[in-house]
Amino acid sequence: MGAWFWWMIFGMAVVTYIPRAIPLTFLEGRELPEAVQNVLRNIPYAVLGALIFPAVFFIQENVWFGVIGAASAFAIAFTGANVILVVLGTIAILSVYGLWFG
Protein backbone atom coordinates (compact mmCIF):
# COMPACT_ATOMS: atom_id res chain seq x y z
CA MET A 1 0.00 0.00 0.00
CA GLY A 2 1.39 3.30 -1.05
CA ALA A 3 1.27 6.64 0.67
CA TRP A 4 -1.71 7.62 -1.51
CA PHE A 5 -3.78 4.96 0.29
CA TRP A 6 -3.14 6.46 3.72
CA TRP A 7 -3.74 9.98 2.42
CA MET A 8 -7.04 8.78 0.97
CA ILE A 9 -8.05 7.27 4.33
CA PHE A 10 -7.03 10.45 6.13
CA GLY A 11 -8.96 12.62 3.65
CA MET A 12 -12.12 10.54 4.01
CA ALA A 13 -11.83 10.73 7.79
CA VAL A 14 -11.52 14.52 7.71
CA VAL A 15 -14.41 14.92 5.28
CA THR A 16 -16.58 12.72 7.50
CA TYR A 17 -15.53 14.45 10.72
CA ILE A 18 -16.00 18.08 9.66
CA PRO A 19 -19.81 18.04 9.12
CA ARG A 20 -20.19 16.52 12.57
CA ALA A 21 -17.72 18.72 14.42
CA ILE A 22 -18.89 22.08 13.08
CA PRO A 23 -22.45 21.95 14.47
CA LEU A 24 -21.21 20.42 17.71
CA THR A 25 -18.67 23.21 18.14
CA PHE A 26 -20.72 26.22 17.13
CA LEU A 27 -24.14 25.18 18.45
CA GLU A 28 -23.04 23.99 21.88
CA GLY A 29 -25.36 25.33 24.56
CA ARG A 30 -27.80 26.86 22.06
CA GLU A 31 -31.25 25.65 21.22
CA LEU A 32 -32.39 25.74 17.62
CA PRO A 33 -35.75 27.23 16.69
CA GLU A 34 -38.65 24.79 16.60
CA ALA A 35 -39.00 25.09 12.81
CA VAL A 36 -35.35 24.10 12.28
CA GLN A 37 -35.70 21.18 14.71
CA ASN A 38 -38.75 19.94 12.78
CA VAL A 39 -36.85 20.07 9.48
CA LEU A 40 -33.84 18.26 10.95
CA ARG A 41 -36.07 15.55 12.42
CA ASN A 42 -37.46 14.75 8.97
CA ILE A 43 -34.17 14.58 7.09
CA PRO A 44 -33.54 10.84 7.74
CA TYR A 45 -36.95 9.94 6.31
CA ALA A 46 -36.43 12.13 3.26
CA VAL A 47 -33.00 10.64 2.58
CA LEU A 48 -34.30 7.10 3.03
CA GLY A 49 -37.11 7.78 0.58
CA ALA A 50 -34.69 9.30 -1.93
CA LEU A 51 -32.49 6.21 -1.70
CA ILE A 52 -35.29 3.66 -1.94
CA PHE A 53 -37.54 5.23 -4.59
CA PRO A 54 -35.19 4.82 -7.60
CA ALA A 55 -34.48 1.22 -6.59
CA VAL A 56 -38.18 0.41 -6.92
CA PHE A 57 -37.92 0.74 -10.70
CA PHE A 58 -34.64 -1.16 -11.08
CA ILE A 59 -35.25 -4.12 -8.75
CA GLN A 60 -35.78 -6.52 -11.67
CA GLU A 61 -36.25 -6.37 -15.40
CA ASN A 62 -40.00 -6.28 -14.78
CA VAL A 63 -40.78 -2.78 -13.50
CA TRP A 64 -44.15 -3.92 -12.17
CA PHE A 65 -42.40 -6.16 -9.66
CA GLY A 66 -40.96 -3.13 -7.89
CA VAL A 67 -44.12 -1.05 -8.23
CA ILE A 68 -46.33 -3.79 -6.80
CA GLY A 69 -43.83 -4.41 -4.01
CA ALA A 70 -43.67 -0.74 -3.05
CA ALA A 71 -47.45 -0.32 -3.24
CA SER A 72 -48.10 -3.40 -1.14
CA ALA A 73 -45.50 -2.37 1.44
CA PHE A 74 -47.05 1.09 1.65
CA ALA A 75 -50.57 -0.33 1.96
CA ILE A 76 -49.59 -2.80 4.69
CA ALA A 77 -47.64 -0.15 6.59
CA PHE A 78 -50.55 2.29 6.28
CA THR A 79 -52.75 -0.15 8.21
CA GLY A 80 -50.42 0.23 11.19
CA ALA A 81 -48.63 -3.12 10.97
CA ASN A 82 -45.16 -3.38 12.43
CA VAL A 83 -42.08 -3.60 10.22
CA ILE A 84 -41.80 -7.40 10.31
CA LEU A 85 -45.38 -7.81 9.11
CA VAL A 86 -44.80 -5.26 6.35
CA VAL A 87 -41.71 -7.13 5.13
CA LEU A 88 -43.32 -10.58 5.37
CA GLY A 89 -46.54 -9.40 3.74
CA THR A 90 -44.68 -7.79 0.87
CA ILE A 91 -42.58 -10.92 0.38
CA ALA A 92 -45.75 -13.02 0.28
CA ILE A 93 -47.46 -10.73 -2.23
CA LEU A 94 -44.41 -10.63 -4.49
CA SER A 95 -44.01 -14.40 -4.25
CA VAL A 96 -47.56 -14.90 -5.49
CA TYR A 97 -47.02 -12.29 -8.22
CA GLY A 98 -43.77 -13.99 -9.24
CA LEU A 99 -45.46 -17.37 -9.46
CA TRP A 100 -48.31 -16.12 -11.63
CA PHE A 101 -46.60 -13.53 -13.81
CA GLY A 102 -42.85 -14.18 -13.34
C-alpha atoms as a PDB file:
ATOM      1  CA  MET A   1       0.000   0.000   0.000  1.00  0.00           C
ATOM      2  CA  GLY A   2       1.387   3.296  -1.049  1.00  0.00           C
ATOM      3  CA  ALA A   3       1.269   6.639   0.668  1.00  0.00           C
ATOM      4  CA  TRP A   4      -1.713   7.620  -1.507  1.00  0.00           C
ATOM      5  CA  PHE A   5      -3.780   4.960   0.286  1.00  0.00           C
ATOM      6  CA  TRP A   6      -3.145   6.460   3.716  1.00  0.00           C
ATOM      7  CA  TRP A   7      -3.743   9.982   2.425  1.00  0.00           C
ATOM      8  CA  MET A   8      -7.043   8.776   0.973  1.00  0.00           C
ATOM      9  CA  ILE A   9      -8.053   7.266   4.335  1.00  0.00           C
ATOM     10  CA  PHE A  10      -7.028  10.449   6.126  1.00  0.00           C
ATOM     11  CA  GLY A  11      -8.962  12.622   3.645  1.00  0.00           C
ATOM     12  CA  MET A  12     -12.119  10.542   4.009  1.00  0.00           C
ATOM     13  CA  ALA A  13     -11.829  10.733   7.793  1.00  0.00           C
ATOM     14  CA  VAL A  14     -11.521  14.521   7.712  1.00  0.00           C
ATOM     15  CA  VAL A  15     -14.409  14.923   5.276  1.00  0.00           C
ATOM     16  CA  THR A  16     -16.575  12.722   7.502  1.00  0.00           C
ATOM     17  CA  TYR A  17     -15.533  14.447  10.723  1.00  0.00           C
ATOM     18  CA  ILE A  18     -15.999  18.083   9.656  1.00  0.00           C
ATOM     19  CA  PRO A  19     -19.805  18.037   9.122  1.00  0.00           C
ATOM     20  CA  ARG A  20     -20.190  16.516  12.570  1.00  0.00           C
ATOM     21  CA  ALA A  21     -17.717  18.721  14.416  1.00  0.00           C
ATOM     22  CA  ILE A  22     -18.890  22.085  13.083  1.00  0.00           C
ATOM     23  CA  PRO A  23     -22.452  21.949  14.470  1.00  0.00           C
ATOM     24  CA  LEU A  24     -21.210  20.420  17.714  1.00  0.00           C
ATOM     25  CA  THR A  25     -18.667  23.207  18.141  1.00  0.00           C
ATOM     26  CA  PHE A  26     -20.718  26.216  17.127  1.00  0.00           C
ATOM     27  CA  LEU A  27     -24.140  25.184  18.449  1.00  0.00           C
ATOM     28  CA  GLU A  28     -23.044  23.990  21.876  1.00  0.00           C
ATOM     29  CA  GLY A  29     -25.358  25.329  24.555  1.00  0.00           C
ATOM     30  CA  ARG A  30     -27.799  26.857  22.064  1.00  0.00           C
ATOM     31  CA  GLU A  31     -31.251  25.654  21.221  1.00  0.00           C
ATOM     32  CA  LEU A  32     -32.387  25.736  17.620  1.00  0.00           C
ATOM     33  CA  PRO A  33     -35.745  27.234  16.688  1.00  0.00           C
ATOM     34  CA  GLU A  34     -38.648  24.794  16.601  1.00  0.00           C
ATOM     35  CA  ALA A  35     -38.998  25.088  12.808  1.00  0.00           C
ATOM     36  CA  VAL A  36     -35.349  24.102  12.284  1.00  0.00           C
ATOM     37  CA  GLN A  37     -35.699  21.180  14.706  1.00  0.00           C
ATOM     38  CA  ASN A  38     -38.747  19.935  12.785  1.00  0.00           C
ATOM     39  CA  VAL A  39     -36.853  20.067   9.485  1.00  0.00           C
ATOM     40  CA  LEU A  40     -33.840  18.261  10.950  1.00  0.00           C
ATOM     41  CA  ARG A  41     -36.073  15.553  12.425  1.00  0.00           C
ATOM     42  CA  ASN A  42     -37.465  14.749   8.969  1.00  0.00           C
ATOM     43  CA  ILE A  43     -34.172  14.580   7.088  1.00  0.00           C
ATOM     44  CA  PRO A  44     -33.535  10.839   7.744  1.00  0.00           C
ATOM     45  CA  TYR A  45     -36.946   9.936   6.310  1.00  0.00           C
ATOM     46  CA  ALA A  46     -36.431  12.129   3.257  1.00  0.00           C
ATOM     47  CA  VAL A  47     -33.001  10.638   2.581  1.00  0.00           C
ATOM     48  CA  LEU A  48     -34.304   7.105   3.031  1.00  0.00           C
ATOM     49  CA  GLY A  49     -37.109   7.784   0.583  1.00  0.00           C
ATOM     50  CA  ALA A  50     -34.692   9.299  -1.928  1.00  0.00           C
ATOM     51  CA  LEU A  51     -32.488   6.212  -1.702  1.00  0.00           C
ATOM     52  CA  ILE A  52     -35.289   3.658  -1.937  1.00  0.00           C
ATOM     53  CA  PHE A  53     -37.539   5.230  -4.590  1.00  0.00           C
ATOM     54  CA  PRO A  54     -35.191   4.819  -7.604  1.00  0.00           C
ATOM     55  CA  ALA A  55     -34.476   1.218  -6.594  1.00  0.00           C
ATOM     56  CA  VAL A  56     -38.178   0.409  -6.917  1.00  0.00           C
ATOM     57  CA  PHE A  57     -37.919   0.738 -10.697  1.00  0.00           C
ATOM     58  CA  PHE A  58     -34.644  -1.157 -11.084  1.00  0.00           C
ATOM     59  CA  ILE A  59     -35.248  -4.124  -8.748  1.00  0.00           C
ATOM     60  CA  GLN A  60     -35.780  -6.522 -11.672  1.00  0.00           C
ATOM     61  CA  GLU A  61     -36.251  -6.368 -15.399  1.00  0.00           C
ATOM     62  CA  ASN A  62     -40.003  -6.283 -14.778  1.00  0.00           C
ATOM     63  CA  VAL A  63     -40.779  -2.782 -13.500  1.00  0.00           C
ATOM     64  CA  TRP A  64     -44.150  -3.915 -12.170  1.00  0.00           C
ATOM     65  CA  PHE A  65     -42.399  -6.164  -9.662  1.00  0.00           C
ATOM     66  CA  GLY A  66     -40.960  -3.125  -7.886  1.00  0.00           C
ATOM     67  CA  VAL A  67     -44.120  -1.046  -8.232  1.00  0.00           C
ATOM     68  CA  ILE A  68     -46.334  -3.787  -6.796  1.00  0.00           C
ATOM     69  CA  GLY A  69     -43.826  -4.415  -4.009  1.00  0.00           C
ATOM     70  CA  ALA A  70     -43.669  -0.744  -3.050  1.00  0.00           C
ATOM     71  CA  ALA A  71     -47.448  -0.317  -3.243  1.00  0.00           C
ATOM     72  CA  SER A  72     -48.102  -3.404  -1.141  1.00  0.00           C
ATOM     73  CA  ALA A  73     -45.503  -2.374   1.444  1.00  0.00           C
ATOM     74  CA  PHE A  74     -47.052   1.089   1.647  1.00  0.00           C
ATOM     75  CA  ALA A  75     -50.565  -0.327   1.962  1.00  0.00           C
ATOM     76  CA  ILE A  76     -49.594  -2.800   4.688  1.00  0.00           C
ATOM     77  CA  ALA A  77     -47.638  -0.147   6.591  1.00  0.00           C
ATOM     78  CA  PHE A  78     -50.547   2.288   6.280  1.00  0.00           C
ATOM     79  CA  THR A  79     -52.747  -0.155   8.209  1.00  0.00           C
ATOM     80  CA  GLY A  80     -50.424   0.228  11.190  1.00  0.00           C
ATOM     81  CA  ALA A  81     -48.633  -3.120  10.968  1.00  0.00           C
ATOM     82  CA  ASN A  82     -45.158  -3.378  12.429  1.00  0.00           C
ATOM     83  CA  VAL A  83     -42.082  -3.602  10.217  1.00  0.00           C
ATOM     84  CA  ILE A  84     -41.803  -7.401  10.312  1.00  0.00           C
ATOM     85  CA  LEU A  85     -45.378  -7.807   9.109  1.00  0.00           C
ATOM     86  CA  VAL A  86     -44.798  -5.261   6.347  1.00  0.00           C
ATOM     87  CA  VAL A  87     -41.714  -7.133   5.133  1.00  0.00           C
ATOM     88  CA  LEU A  88     -43.320 -10.582   5.371  1.00  0.00           C
ATOM     89  CA  GLY A  89     -46.542  -9.402   3.739  1.00  0.00           C
ATOM     90  CA  THR A  90     -44.684  -7.787   0.870  1.00  0.00           C
ATOM     91  CA  ILE A  91     -42.583 -10.921   0.377  1.00  0.00           C
ATOM     92  CA  ALA A  92     -45.749 -13.015   0.283  1.00  0.00           C
ATOM     93  CA  ILE A  93     -47.462 -10.726  -2.230  1.00  0.00           C
ATOM     94  CA  LEU A  94     -44.414 -10.629  -4.491  1.00  0.00           C
ATOM     95  CA  SER A  95     -44.008 -14.397  -4.249  1.00  0.00           C
ATOM     96  CA  VAL A  96     -47.559 -14.900  -5.490  1.00  0.00           C
ATOM     97  CA  TYR A  97     -47.016 -12.287  -8.216  1.00  0.00           C
ATOM     98  CA  GLY A  98     -43.772 -13.988  -9.242  1.00  0.00           C
ATOM     99  CA  LEU A  99     -45.456 -17.371  -9.463  1.00  0.00           C
ATOM    100  CA  TRP A 100     -48.313 -16.120 -11.627  1.00  0.00           C
ATOM    101  CA  PHE A 101     -46.601 -13.526 -13.812  1.00  0.00           C
ATOM    102  CA  GLY A 102     -42.847 -14.181 -13.344  1.00  0.00           C
END
